[in-house]
Amino acid sequence: ELLLGQRVVIVRCEAINISGSLFRNKLKFKDFLNKRCNPNPKKGPFHFRAPSKIFWRTVRGMLPHNTPRGYAALNRMKVFEGVPAPYSRMKKVVVPEALRVLRLAPGRKYCV
């Protein structure tokens, strides 16, 4: 939808579910934290800890963010923890394809 020109606002990122056990995801994140630029770590990669930034980086990996079209698409997305003031009064839409009940098989592990 972002590439088609739709503006998207994601709220309550702290409640996002990640598939896989908590232990496995902790190991993956620890491995990700070890990746850095040895001569000058300030140049990246940057390891965002906030849930909204983790989600933003995940979506960035799905878009061609190095092209002007992808950059513009990424700028059309806003991501927040909680529900900030202007969006608290707006009608919220749930994407049914993203629901855990439909995406994960019964009995599969997940973490928040």
PDB file of N, CA and C in Angstrom:
ATOM      1  N   GLU A   1       0.812  -1.190   0.000  1.00  0.00           N
ATOM      2  CA  GLU A   1       0.000   0.000   0.000  1.00  0.00           C
ATOM      3  C   GLU A   1       0.863   1.264   0.000  1.00  0.00           C
ATOM      4  N   LEU A   2       1.999   1.205   0.687  1.00  0.00           N
ATOM      5  CA  LEU A   2       2.878   2.377   0.746  1.00  0.00           C
ATOM      6  C   LEU A   2       3.400   2.728  -0.644  1.00  0.00           C
ATOM      7  N   LEU A   3       3.755   1.714  -1.419  1.00  0.00           N
ATOM      8  CA  LEU A   3       4.282   1.958  -2.759  1.00  0.00           C
ATOM      9  C   LEU A   3       3.209   2.470  -3.709  1.00  0.00           C
ATOM     10  N   LEU A   4       1.943   2.229  -3.359  1.00  0.00           N
ATOM     11  CA  LEU A   4       0.835   2.709  -4.190  1.00  0.00           C
ATOM     12  C   LEU A   4       0.424   4.130  -3.834  1.00  0.00           C
ATOM     13  N   GLY A   5       1.064   4.723  -2.816  1.00  0.00           N
ATOM     14  CA  GLY A   5       0.765   6.103  -2.462  1.00  0.00           C
ATOM     15  C   GLY A   5      -0.120   6.265  -1.247  1.00  0.00           C
ATOM     16  N   GLN A   6      -0.467   5.168  -0.585  1.00  0.00           N
ATOM     17  CA  GLN A   6      -1.336   5.234   0.593  1.00  0.00           C
ATOM     18  C   GLN A   6      -0.532   5.659   1.819  1.00  0.00           C
ATOM     19  N   ARG A   7      -1.093   6.556   2.628  1.00  0.00           N
ATOM     20  CA  ARG A   7      -0.452   6.934   3.886  1.00  0.00           C
ATOM     21  C   ARG A   7      -0.871   5.936   4.967  1.00  0.00           C
ATOM     22  N   VAL A   8       0.100   5.467   5.747  1.00  0.00           N
ATOM     23  CA  VAL A   8      -0.169   4.458   6.770  1.00  0.00           C
ATOM     24  C   VAL A   8       0.395   4.933   8.104  1.00  0.00           C
ATOM     25  N   VAL A   9      -0.414   4.818   9.154  1.00  0.00           N
ATOM     26  CA  VAL A   9       0.030   5.147  10.509  1.00  0.00           C
ATOM     27  C   VAL A   9      -0.157   3.899  11.361  1.00  0.00           C
ATOM     28  N   ILE A  10       0.917   3.444  11.987  1.00  0.00           N
ATOM     29  CA  ILE A  10       0.866   2.257  12.841  1.00  0.00           C
ATOM     30  C   ILE A  10       0.976   2.723  14.287  1.00  0.00           C
ATOM     31  N   VAL A  11       0.008   2.327  15.120  1.00  0.00           N
ATOM     32  CA  VAL A  11       0.017   2.721  16.533  1.00  0.00           C
ATOM     33  C   VAL A  11       0.132   1.460  17.398  1.00  0.00           C
ATOM     34  N   ARG A  12       0.515   1.654  18.659  1.00  0.00           N
ATOM     35  CA  ARG A  12       0.660   0.573  19.644  1.00  0.00           C
ATOM     36  C   ARG A  12       1.656  -0.490  19.186  1.00  0.00           C
ATOM     37  N   CYS A  13       2.827  -0.064  18.765  1.00  0.00           N
ATOM     38  CA  CYS A  13       3.863  -1.003  18.318  1.00  0.00           C
ATOM     39  C   CYS A  13       4.387  -1.878  19.449  1.00  0.00           C
ATOM     40  N   GLU A  14       4.184  -1.450  20.683  1.00  0.00           N
ATOM     41  CA  GLU A  14       4.695  -2.253  21.795  1.00  0.00           C
ATOM     42  C   GLU A  14       3.948  -3.575  21.934  1.00  0.00           C
ATOM     43  N   ALA A  15       2.791  -3.712  21.262  1.00  0.00           N
ATOM     44  CA  ALA A  15       1.991  -4.933  21.358  1.00  0.00           C
ATOM     45  C   ALA A  15       2.196  -5.866  20.163  1.00  0.00           C
ATOM     46  N   ILE A  16       3.208  -5.618  19.355  1.00  0.00           N
ATOM     47  CA  ILE A  16       3.449  -6.457  18.177  1.00  0.00           C
ATOM     48  C   ILE A  16       3.963  -7.824  18.601  1.00  0.00           C
ATOM     49  N   ASN A  17       3.480  -8.872  17.951  1.00  0.00           N
ATOM     50  CA  ASN A  17       3.925 -10.238  18.219  1.00  0.00           C
ATOM     51  C   ASN A  17       4.983 -10.647  17.211  1.00  0.00           C
ATOM     52  N   ILE A  18       6.009 -11.354  17.693  1.00  0.00           N
ATOM     53  CA  ILE A  18       7.061 -11.888  16.828  1.00  0.00           C
ATOM     54  C   ILE A  18       6.963 -13.401  16.898  1.00  0.00           C
ATOM     55  N   SER A  19       6.963 -14.062  15.751  1.00  0.00           N
ATOM     56  CA  SER A  19       6.869 -15.513  15.761  1.00  0.00           C
ATOM     57  C   SER A  19       8.176 -16.117  16.249  1.00  0.00           C
ATOM     58  N   GLY A  20       8.086 -17.279  16.866  1.00  0.00           N
ATOM     59  CA  GLY A  20       9.252 -17.949  17.442  1.00  0.00           C
ATOM     60  C   GLY A  20       9.298 -17.728  18.943  1.00  0.00           C
ATOM     61  N   SER A  21      10.044 -18.587  19.631  1.00  0.00           N
ATOM     62  CA  SER A  21      10.106 -18.495  21.086  1.00  0.00           C
ATOM     63  C   SER A  21      10.898 -17.261  21.508  1.00  0.00           C
ATOM     64  N   LEU A  22      10.675 -16.836  22.739  1.00  0.00           N
ATOM     65  CA  LEU A  22      11.383 -15.673  23.271  1.00  0.00           C
ATOM     66  C   LEU A  22      12.882 -15.932  23.296  1.00  0.00           C
ATOM     67  N   PHE A  23      13.281 -17.140  23.661  1.00  0.00           N
ATOM     68  CA  PHE A  23      14.702 -17.494  23.725  1.00  0.00           C
ATOM     69  C   PHE A  23      15.358 -17.370  22.350  1.00  0.00           C
ATOM     70  N   ARG A  24      14.691 -17.880  21.324  1.00  0.00           N
ATOM     71  CA  ARG A  24      15.237 -17.828  19.957  1.00  0.00           C
ATOM     72  C   ARG A  24      15.360 -16.385  19.470  1.00  0.00           C
ATOM     73  N   ASN A  25      14.339 -15.582  19.744  1.00  0.00           N
ATOM     74  CA  ASN A  25      14.374 -14.192  19.301  1.00  0.00           C
ATOM     75  C   ASN A  25      15.411 -13.374  20.061  1.00  0.00           C
ATOM     76  N   LYS A  26      15.638 -13.731  21.354  1.00  0.00           N
ATOM     77  CA  LYS A  26      16.693 -13.065  22.118  1.00  0.00           C
ATOM     78  C   LYS A  26      18.055 -13.364  21.498  1.00  0.00           C
ATOM     79  N   LEU A  27      18.275 -14.632  21.117  1.00  0.00           N
ATOM     80  CA  LEU A  27      19.543 -15.016  20.497  1.00  0.00           C
ATOM     81  C   LEU A  27      19.745 -14.288  19.168  1.00  0.00           C
ATOM     82  N   LYS A  28      18.682 -14.184  18.378  1.00  0.00           N
ATOM     83  CA  LYS A  28      18.779 -13.498  17.088  1.00  0.00           C
ATOM     84  C   LYS A  28      19.101 -12.023  17.276  1.00  0.00           C
ATOM     85  N   PHE A  29      18.474 -11.399  18.283  1.00  0.00           N
ATOM     86  CA  PHE A  29      18.719  -9.977  18.522  1.00  0.00           C
ATOM     87  C   PHE A  29      20.127  -9.747  19.053  1.00  0.00           C
ATOM     88  N   LYS A  30      20.617 -10.655  19.925  1.00  0.00           N
ATOM     89  CA  LYS A  30      21.989 -10.546  20.424  1.00  0.00           C
ATOM     90  C   LYS A  30      22.986 -10.664  19.277  1.00  0.00           C
ATOM     91  N   ASP A  31      22.713 -11.564  18.340  1.00  0.00           N
ATOM     92  CA  ASP A  31      23.574 -11.725  17.173  1.00  0.00           C
ATOM     93  C   ASP A  31      23.552 -10.458  16.314  1.00  0.00           C
ATOM     94  N   PHE A  32      22.372  -9.847  16.204  1.00  0.00           N
ATOM     95  CA  PHE A  32      22.226  -8.599  15.447  1.00  0.00           C
ATOM     96  C   PHE A  32      23.000  -7.464  16.117  1.00  0.00           C
ATOM     97  N   LEU A  33      23.022  -7.444  17.462  1.00  0.00           N
ATOM     98  CA  LEU A  33      23.736  -6.396  18.181  1.00  0.00           C
ATOM     99  C   LEU A  33      25.250  -6.480  17.969  1.00  0.00           C
ATOM    100  N   ASN A  34      25.738  -7.670  17.670  1.00  0.00           N
ATOM    101  CA  ASN A  34      27.176  -7.838  17.454  1.00  0.00           C
ATOM    102  C   ASN A  34      27.641  -7.292  16.108  1.00  0.00           C
ATOM    103  N   LYS A  35      26.732  -7.078  15.190  1.00  0.00           N
ATOM    104  CA  LYS A  35      27.104  -6.582  13.869  1.00  0.00           C
ATOM    105  C   LYS A  35      27.387  -5.080  13.951  1.00  0.00           C
ATOM    106  N   ARG A  36      28.608  -4.685  13.617  1.00  0.00           N
ATOM    107  CA  ARG A  36      28.954  -3.272  13.659  1.00  0.00           C
ATOM    108  C   ARG A  36      30.124  -3.010  12.731  1.00  0.00           C
ATOM    109  N   CYS A  37      30.385  -1.752  12.480  1.00  0.00           N
ATOM    110  CA  CYS A  37      31.503  -1.332  11.649  1.00  0.00           C
ATOM    111  C   CYS A  37      32.721  -1.192  12.566  1.00  0.00           C
ATOM    112  N   ASN A  38      33.699  -2.096  12.445  1.00  0.00           N
ATOM    113  CA  ASN A  38      34.818  -2.118  13.393  1.00  0.00           C
ATOM    114  C   ASN A  38      35.633  -0.819  13.459  1.00  0.00           C
ATOM    115  N   PRO A  39      36.051  -0.231  12.344  1.00  0.00           N
ATOM    116  CA  PRO A  39      36.862   0.984  12.469  1.00  0.00           C
ATOM    117  C   PRO A  39      36.118   2.139  13.140  1.00  0.00           C
ATOM    118  N   ASN A  40      34.834   2.308  12.811  1.00  0.00           N
ATOM    119  CA  ASN A  40      34.066   3.403  13.405  1.00  0.00           C
ATOM    120  C   ASN A  40      32.609   2.966  13.593  1.00  0.00           C
ATOM    121  N   PRO A  41      32.253   2.445  14.773  1.00  0.00           N
ATOM    122  CA  PRO A  41      30.885   1.950  15.004  1.00  0.00           C
ATOM    123  C   PRO A  41      29.810   3.021  14.882  1.00  0.00           C
ATOM    124  N   LYS A  42      30.187   4.319  14.944  1.00  0.00           N
ATOM    125  CA  LYS A  42      29.187   5.384  14.826  1.00  0.00           C
ATOM    126  C   LYS A  42      28.585   5.446  13.430  1.00  0.00           C
ATOM    127  N   LYS A  43      29.245   4.812  12.444  1.00  0.00           N
ATOM    128  CA  LYS A  43      28.755   4.857  11.067  1.00  0.00           C
ATOM    129  C   LYS A  43      27.695   3.793  10.784  1.00  0.00           C
ATOM    130  N   GLY A  44      27.434   2.922  11.732  1.00  0.00           N
ATOM    131  CA  GLY A  44      26.363   1.953  11.559  1.00  0.00           C
ATOM    132  C   GLY A  44      26.890   0.541  11.480  1.00  0.00           C
ATOM    133  N   PRO A  45      26.026  -0.455  11.400  1.00  0.00           N
ATOM    134  CA  PRO A  45      24.565  -0.384  11.432  1.00  0.00           C
ATOM    135  C   PRO A  45      24.058   0.026  12.816  1.00  0.00           C
ATOM    136  N   PHE A  46      22.918   0.701  12.826  1.00  0.00           N
ATOM    137  CA  PHE A  46      22.352   1.200  14.063  1.00  0.00           C
ATOM    138  C   PHE A  46      21.347   0.179  14.595  1.00  0.00           C
ATOM    139  N   HIS A  47      21.419  -0.098  15.878  1.00  0.00           N
ATOM    140  CA  HIS A  47      20.585  -1.121  16.499  1.00  0.00           C
ATOM    141  C   HIS A  47      19.491  -0.451  17.320  1.00  0.00           C
ATOM    142  N   PHE A  48      18.345  -0.248  16.698  1.00  0.00           N
ATOM    143  CA  PHE A  48      17.235   0.401  17.387  1.00  0.00           C
ATOM    144  C   PHE A  48      16.622  -0.557  18.394  1.00  0.00           C
ATOM    145  N   ARG A  49      16.328  -0.042  19.593  1.00  0.00           N
ATOM    146  CA  ARG A  49      15.729  -0.871  20.638  1.00  0.00           C
ATOM    147  C   ARG A  49      14.226  -0.633  20.779  1.00  0.00           C
ATOM    148  N   ALA A  50      13.750   0.525  20.382  1.00  0.00           N
ATOM    149  CA  ALA A  50      12.328   0.844  20.530  1.00  0.00           C
ATOM    150  C   ALA A  50      11.499  -0.022  19.580  1.00  0.00           C
ATOM    151  N   PRO A  51      10.362  -0.545  20.046  1.00  0.00           N
ATOM    152  CA  PRO A  51       9.521  -1.397  19.193  1.00  0.00           C
ATOM    153  C   PRO A  51       9.106  -0.705  17.891  1.00  0.00           C
ATOM    154  N   SER A  52       8.825   0.597  17.959  1.00  0.00           N
ATOM    155  CA  SER A  52       8.413   1.306  16.748  1.00  0.00           C
ATOM    156  C   SER A  52       9.548   1.354  15.735  1.00  0.00           C
ATOM    157  N   LYS A  53      10.770   1.569  16.210  1.00  0.00           N
ATOM    158  CA  LYS A  53      11.915   1.637  15.306  1.00  0.00           C
ATOM    159  C   LYS A  53      12.271   0.257  14.744  1.00  0.00           C
ATOM    160  N   ILE A  54      12.083  -0.794  15.548  1.00  0.00           N
ATOM    161  CA  ILE A  54      12.332  -2.156  15.059  1.00  0.00           C
ATOM    162  C   ILE A  54      11.351  -2.469  13.932  1.00  0.00           C
ATOM    163  N   PHE A  55      10.074  -2.095  14.135  1.00  0.00           N
ATOM    164  CA  PHE A  55       9.073  -2.317  13.095  1.00  0.00           C
ATOM    165  C   PHE A  55       9.378  -1.485  11.861  1.00  0.00           C
ATOM    166  N   TRP A  56       9.798  -0.238  12.060  1.00  0.00           N
ATOM    167  CA  TRP A  56      10.145   0.651  10.939  1.00  0.00           C
ATOM    168  C   TRP A  56      11.268   0.051  10.107  1.00  0.00           C
ATOM    169  N   ARG A  57      12.290  -0.481  10.782  1.00  0.00           N
ATOM    170  CA  ARG A  57      13.419  -1.085  10.074  1.00  0.00           C
ATOM    171  C   ARG A  57      12.996  -2.346   9.319  1.00  0.00           C
ATOM    172  N   THR A  58      12.072  -3.109   9.899  1.00  0.00           N
ATOM    173  CA  THR A  58      11.558  -4.312   9.246  1.00  0.00           C
ATOM    174  C   THR A  58      10.840  -3.950   7.948  1.00  0.00           C
ATOM    175  N   VAL A  59       9.998  -2.932   8.006  1.00  0.00           N
ATOM    176  CA  VAL A  59       9.268  -2.505   6.809  1.00  0.00           C
ATOM    177  C   VAL A  59      10.234  -1.910   5.783  1.00  0.00           C
ATOM    178  N   ARG A  60      11.255  -1.188   6.263  1.00  0.00           N
ATOM    179  CA  ARG A  60      12.250  -0.623   5.354  1.00  0.00           C
ATOM    180  C   ARG A  60      12.933  -1.715   4.541  1.00  0.00           C
ATOM    181  N   GLY A  61      13.140  -2.886   5.161  1.00  0.00           N
ATOM    182  CA  GLY A  61      13.740  -4.014   4.454  1.00  0.00           C
ATOM    183  C   GLY A  61      12.843  -4.588   3.370  1.00  0.00           C
ATOM    184  N   MET A  62      11.554  -4.282   3.432  1.00  0.00           N
ATOM    185  CA  MET A  62      10.603  -4.782   2.437  1.00  0.00           C
ATOM    186  C   MET A  62      10.387  -3.799   1.297  1.00  0.00           C
ATOM    187  N   LEU A  63      10.942  -2.600   1.418  1.00  0.00           N
ATOM    188  CA  LEU A  63      10.756  -1.560   0.402  1.00  0.00           C
ATOM    189  C   LEU A  63      12.082  -1.261  -0.301  1.00  0.00           C
ATOM    190  N   PRO A  64      12.029  -0.815  -1.544  1.00  0.00           N
ATOM    191  CA  PRO A  64      13.259  -0.392  -2.226  1.00  0.00           C
ATOM    192  C   PRO A  64      13.663   1.012  -1.754  1.00  0.00           C
ATOM    193  N   HIS A  65      14.141   1.122  -0.507  1.00  0.00           N
ATOM    194  CA  HIS A  65      14.335   2.436   0.112  1.00  0.00           C
ATOM    195  C   HIS A  65      15.493   3.237  -0.482  1.00  0.00           C
ATOM    196  N   ASN A  66      16.285   2.644  -1.354  1.00  0.00           N
ATOM    197  CA  ASN A  66      17.377   3.393  -1.981  1.00  0.00           C
ATOM    198  C   ASN A  66      16.937   4.129  -3.244  1.00  0.00           C
ATOM    199  N   THR A  67      15.721   3.874  -3.703  1.00  0.00           N
ATOM    200  CA  THR A  67      15.201   4.579  -4.867  1.00  0.00           C
ATOM    201  C   THR A  67      14.315   5.735  -4.388  1.00  0.00           C
ATOM    202  N   PRO A  68      14.136   6.761  -5.196  1.00  0.00           N
ATOM    203  CA  PRO A  68      13.244   7.875  -4.786  1.00  0.00           C
ATOM    204  C   PRO A  68      11.828   7.404  -4.480  1.00  0.00           C
ATOM    205  N   ARG A  69      11.344   6.430  -5.239  1.00  0.00           N
ATOM    206  CA  ARG A  69       9.983   5.911  -5.031  1.00  0.00           C
ATOM    207  C   ARG A  69       9.877   5.213  -3.672  1.00  0.00           C
ATOM    208  N   GLY A  70      10.863   4.402  -3.333  1.00  0.00           N
ATOM    209  CA  GLY A  70      10.863   3.704  -2.054  1.00  0.00           C
ATOM    210  C   GLY A  70      11.064   4.645  -0.884  1.00  0.00           C
ATOM    211  N   TYR A  71      11.915   5.644  -1.065  1.00  0.00           N
ATOM    212  CA  TYR A  71      12.158   6.648  -0.018  1.00  0.00           C
ATOM    213  C   TYR A  71      10.871   7.416   0.276  1.00  0.00           C
ATOM    214  N   ALA A  72      10.160   7.799  -0.778  1.00  0.00           N
ATOM    215  CA  ALA A  72       8.892   8.523  -0.602  1.00  0.00           C
ATOM    216  C   ALA A  72       7.854   7.622   0.078  1.00  0.00           C
ATOM    217  N   ALA A  73       7.860   6.335  -0.285  1.00  0.00           N
ATOM    218  CA  ALA A  73       6.919   5.396   0.334  1.00  0.00           C
ATOM    219  C   ALA A  73       7.198   5.248   1.817  1.00  0.00           C
ATOM    220  N   LEU A  74       8.469   5.177   2.188  1.00  0.00           N
ATOM    221  CA  LEU A  74       8.836   5.042   3.596  1.00  0.00           C
ATOM    222  C   LEU A  74       8.461   6.294   4.389  1.00  0.00           C
ATOM    223  N   ASN A  75       8.531   7.447   3.749  1.00  0.00           N
ATOM    224  CA  ASN A  75       8.143   8.692   4.418  1.00  0.00           C
ATOM    225  C   ASN A  75       6.637   8.803   4.611  1.00  0.00           C
ATOM    226  N   ARG A  76       5.855   8.016   3.862  1.00  0.00           N
ATOM    227  CA  ARG A  76       4.400   8.032   4.029  1.00  0.00           C
ATOM    228  C   ARG A  76       3.944   7.191   5.220  1.00  0.00           C
ATOM    229  N   MET A  77       4.882   6.456   5.842  1.00  0.00           N
ATOM    230  CA  MET A  77       4.536   5.616   6.988  1.00  0.00           C
ATOM    231  C   MET A  77       4.990   6.281   8.287  1.00  0.00           C
ATOM    232  N   LYS A  78       4.085   6.303   9.268  1.00  0.00           N
ATOM    233  CA  LYS A  78       4.427   6.793  10.595  1.00  0.00           C
ATOM    234  C   LYS A  78       4.201   5.664  11.585  1.00  0.00           C
ATOM    235  N   VAL A  79       5.111   5.530  12.545  1.00  0.00           N
ATOM    236  CA  VAL A  79       5.044   4.429  13.499  1.00  0.00           C
ATOM    237  C   VAL A  79       5.155   4.997  14.914  1.00  0.00           C
ATOM    238  N   PHE A  80       4.271   4.535  15.818  1.00  0.00           N
ATOM    239  CA  PHE A  80       4.243   5.056  17.183  1.00  0.00           C
ATOM    240  C   PHE A  80       4.065   3.940  18.199  1.00  0.00           C
ATOM    241  N   GLU A  81       4.624   4.165  19.405  1.00  0.00           N
ATOM    242  CA  GLU A  81       4.268   3.346  20.563  1.00  0.00           C
ATOM    243  C   GLU A  81       3.117   4.065  21.248  1.00  0.00           C
ATOM    244  N   GLY A  82       2.104   3.327  21.618  1.00  0.00           N
ATOM    245  CA  GLY A  82       0.924   3.967  22.192  1.00  0.00           C
ATOM    246  C   GLY A  82       0.114   4.633  21.092  1.00  0.00           C
ATOM    247  N   VAL A  83      -0.851   5.444  21.498  1.00  0.00           N
ATOM    248  CA  VAL A  83      -1.693   6.154  20.537  1.00  0.00           C
ATOM    249  C   VAL A  83      -1.570   7.647  20.818  1.00  0.00           C
ATOM    250  N   PRO A  84      -0.785   8.386  20.017  1.00  0.00           N
ATOM    251  CA  PRO A  84      -0.626   9.816  20.277  1.00  0.00           C
ATOM    252  C   PRO A  84      -1.902  10.603  19.998  1.00  0.00           C
ATOM    253  N   ALA A  85      -1.918  11.834  20.473  1.00  0.00           N
ATOM    254  CA  ALA A  85      -3.109  12.679  20.481  1.00  0.00           C
ATOM    255  C   ALA A  85      -3.867  12.779  19.157  1.00  0.00           C
ATOM    256  N   PRO A  86      -3.257  13.113  18.025  1.00  0.00           N
ATOM    257  CA  PRO A  86      -4.114  13.294  16.845  1.00  0.00           C
ATOM    258  C   PRO A  86      -4.763  11.999  16.359  1.00  0.00           C
ATOM    259  N   TYR A  87      -4.178  10.857  16.706  1.00  0.00           N
ATOM    260  CA  TYR A  87      -4.695   9.582  16.197  1.00  0.00           C
ATOM    261  C   TYR A  87      -5.617   8.887  17.193  1.00  0.00           C
ATOM    262  N   SER A  88      -5.710   9.398  18.401  1.00  0.00           N
ATOM    263  CA  SER A  88      -6.559   8.742  19.397  1.00  0.00           C
ATOM    264  C   SER A  88      -8.041   8.922  19.074  1.00  0.00           C
ATOM    265  N   ARG A  89      -8.373   9.983  18.340  1.00  0.00           N
ATOM    266  CA  ARG A  89      -9.775  10.238  18.003  1.00  0.00           C
ATOM    267  C   ARG A  89     -10.169   9.655  16.652  1.00  0.00           C
ATOM    268  N   MET A  90      -9.189   9.168  15.889  1.00  0.00           N
ATOM    269  CA  MET A  90      -9.496   8.643  14.552  1.00  0.00           C
ATOM    270  C   MET A  90      -9.917   7.178  14.614  1.00  0.00           C
ATOM    271  N   LYS A  91     -10.656   6.761  13.597  1.00  0.00           N
ATOM    272  CA  LYS A  91     -11.093   5.372  13.509  1.00  0.00           C
ATOM    273  C   LYS A  91      -9.891   4.508  13.143  1.00  0.00           C
ATOM    274  N   LYS A  92      -9.737   3.400  13.862  1.00  0.00           N
ATOM    275  CA  LYS A  92      -8.615   2.510  13.615  1.00  0.00           C
ATOM    276  C   LYS A  92      -9.048   1.339  12.749  1.00  0.00           C
ATOM    277  N   VAL A  93      -8.145   0.894  11.890  1.00  0.00           N
ATOM    278  CA  VAL A  93      -8.427  -0.222  10.986  1.00  0.00           C
ATOM    279  C   VAL A  93      -7.445  -1.337  11.298  1.00  0.00           C
ATOM    280  N   VAL A  94      -7.937  -2.562  11.406  1.00  0.00           N
ATOM    281  CA  VAL A  94      -7.088  -3.717  11.654  1.00  0.00           C
ATOM    282  C   VAL A  94      -6.883  -4.457  10.339  1.00  0.00           C
ATOM    283  N   VAL A  95      -5.641  -4.856  10.074  1.00  0.00           N
ATOM    284  CA  VAL A  95      -5.346  -5.623   8.863  1.00  0.00           C
ATOM    285  C   VAL A  95      -5.538  -7.097   9.204  1.00  0.00           C
ATOM    286  N   PRO A  96      -6.579  -7.748   8.666  1.00  0.00           N
ATOM    287  CA  PRO A  96      -6.854  -9.132   9.069  1.00  0.00           C
ATOM    288  C   PRO A  96      -5.735 -10.109   8.681  1.00  0.00           C
ATOM    289  N   GLU A  97      -5.004  -9.818   7.606  1.00  0.00           N
ATOM    290  CA  GLU A  97      -3.920 -10.723   7.192  1.00  0.00           C
ATOM    291  C   GLU A  97      -2.777 -10.731   8.202  1.00  0.00           C
ATOM    292  N   ALA A  98      -2.715  -9.719   9.076  1.00  0.00           N
ATOM    293  CA  ALA A  98      -1.616  -9.615  10.030  1.00  0.00           C
ATOM    294  C   ALA A  98      -1.966 -10.183  11.400  1.00  0.00           C
ATOM    295  N   LEU A  99      -3.186 -10.674  11.583  1.00  0.00           N
ATOM    296  CA  LEU A  99      -3.582 -11.191  12.889  1.00  0.00           C
ATOM    297  C   LEU A  99      -2.844 -12.491  13.210  1.00  0.00           C
ATOM    298  N   ARG A 100      -2.390 -12.600  14.463  1.00  0.00           N
ATOM    299  CA  ARG A 100      -1.636 -13.777  14.880  1.00  0.00           C
ATOM    300  C   ARG A 100      -2.452 -15.055  14.729  1.00  0.00           C
ATOM    301  N   VAL A 101      -3.746 -14.997  15.015  1.00  0.00           N
ATOM    302  CA  VAL A 101      -4.598 -16.183  14.951  1.00  0.00           C
ATOM    303  C   VAL A 101      -4.629 -16.751  13.536  1.00  0.00           C
ATOM    304  N   LEU A 102      -4.533 -15.872  12.536  1.00  0.00           N
ATOM    305  CA  LEU A 102      -4.590 -16.329  11.151  1.00  0.00           C
ATOM    306  C   LEU A 102      -3.214 -16.647  10.586  1.00  0.00           C
ATOM    307  N   ARG A 103      -2.171 -15.990  11.057  1.00  0.00           N
ATOM    308  CA  ARG A 103      -0.834 -16.162  10.488  1.00  0.00           C
ATOM    309  C   ARG A 103      -0.091 -17.360  11.061  1.00  0.00           C
ATOM    310  N   LEU A 104      -0.224 -17.592  12.378  1.00  0.00           N
ATOM    311  CA  LEU A 104       0.531 -18.664  13.018  1.00  0.00           C
ATOM    312  C   LEU A 104      -0.329 -19.914  13.199  1.00  0.00           C
ATOM    313  N   ALA A 105       0.301 -21.054  12.976  1.00  0.00           N
ATOM    314  CA  ALA A 105      -0.394 -22.321  13.192  1.00  0.00           C
ATOM    315  C   ALA A 105      -0.636 -22.512  14.694  1.00  0.00           C
ATOM    316  N   PRO A 106      -1.712 -23.193  15.056  1.00  0.00           N
ATOM    317  CA  PRO A 106      -1.981 -23.409  16.487  1.00  0.00           C
ATOM    318  C   PRO A 106      -0.835 -24.171  17.148  1.00  0.00           C
ATOM    319  N   GLY A 107      -0.473 -23.735  18.333  1.00  0.00           N
ATOM    320  CA  GLY A 107       0.601 -24.394  19.063  1.00  0.00           C
ATOM    321  C   GLY A 107       1.978 -23.809  18.798  1.00  0.00           C
ATOM    322  N   ARG A 108       2.095 -22.932  17.803  1.00  0.00           N
ATOM    323  CA  ARG A 108       3.403 -22.301  17.517  1.00  0.00           C
ATOM    324  C   ARG A 108       3.710 -21.254  18.575  1.00  0.00           C
ATOM    325  N   LYS A 109       4.992 -21.117  18.862  1.00  0.00           N
ATOM    326  CA  LYS A 109       5.401 -20.149  19.882  1.00  0.00           C
ATOM    327  C   LYS A 109       5.501 -18.758  19.280  1.00  0.00           C
ATOM    328  N   TYR A 110       5.271 -17.759  20.140  1.00  0.00           N
ATOM    329  CA  TYR A 110       5.413 -16.362  19.732  1.00  0.00           C
ATOM    330  C   TYR A 110       5.788 -15.563  20.970  1.00  0.00           C
ATOM    331  N   CYS A 111       6.295 -14.368  20.754  1.00  0.00           N
ATOM    332  CA  CYS A 111       6.610 -13.500  21.893  1.00  0.00           C
ATOM    333  C   CYS A 111       6.191 -12.082  21.555  1.00  0.00           C
ATOM    334  N   VAL A 112       5.990 -11.281  22.598  1.00  0.00           N
ATOM    335  CA  VAL A 112       5.525  -9.909  22.428  1.00  0.00           C
ATOM    336  C   VAL A 112       6.692  -8.962  22.580  1.00  0.00           C
TER     337      VAL A 112
END
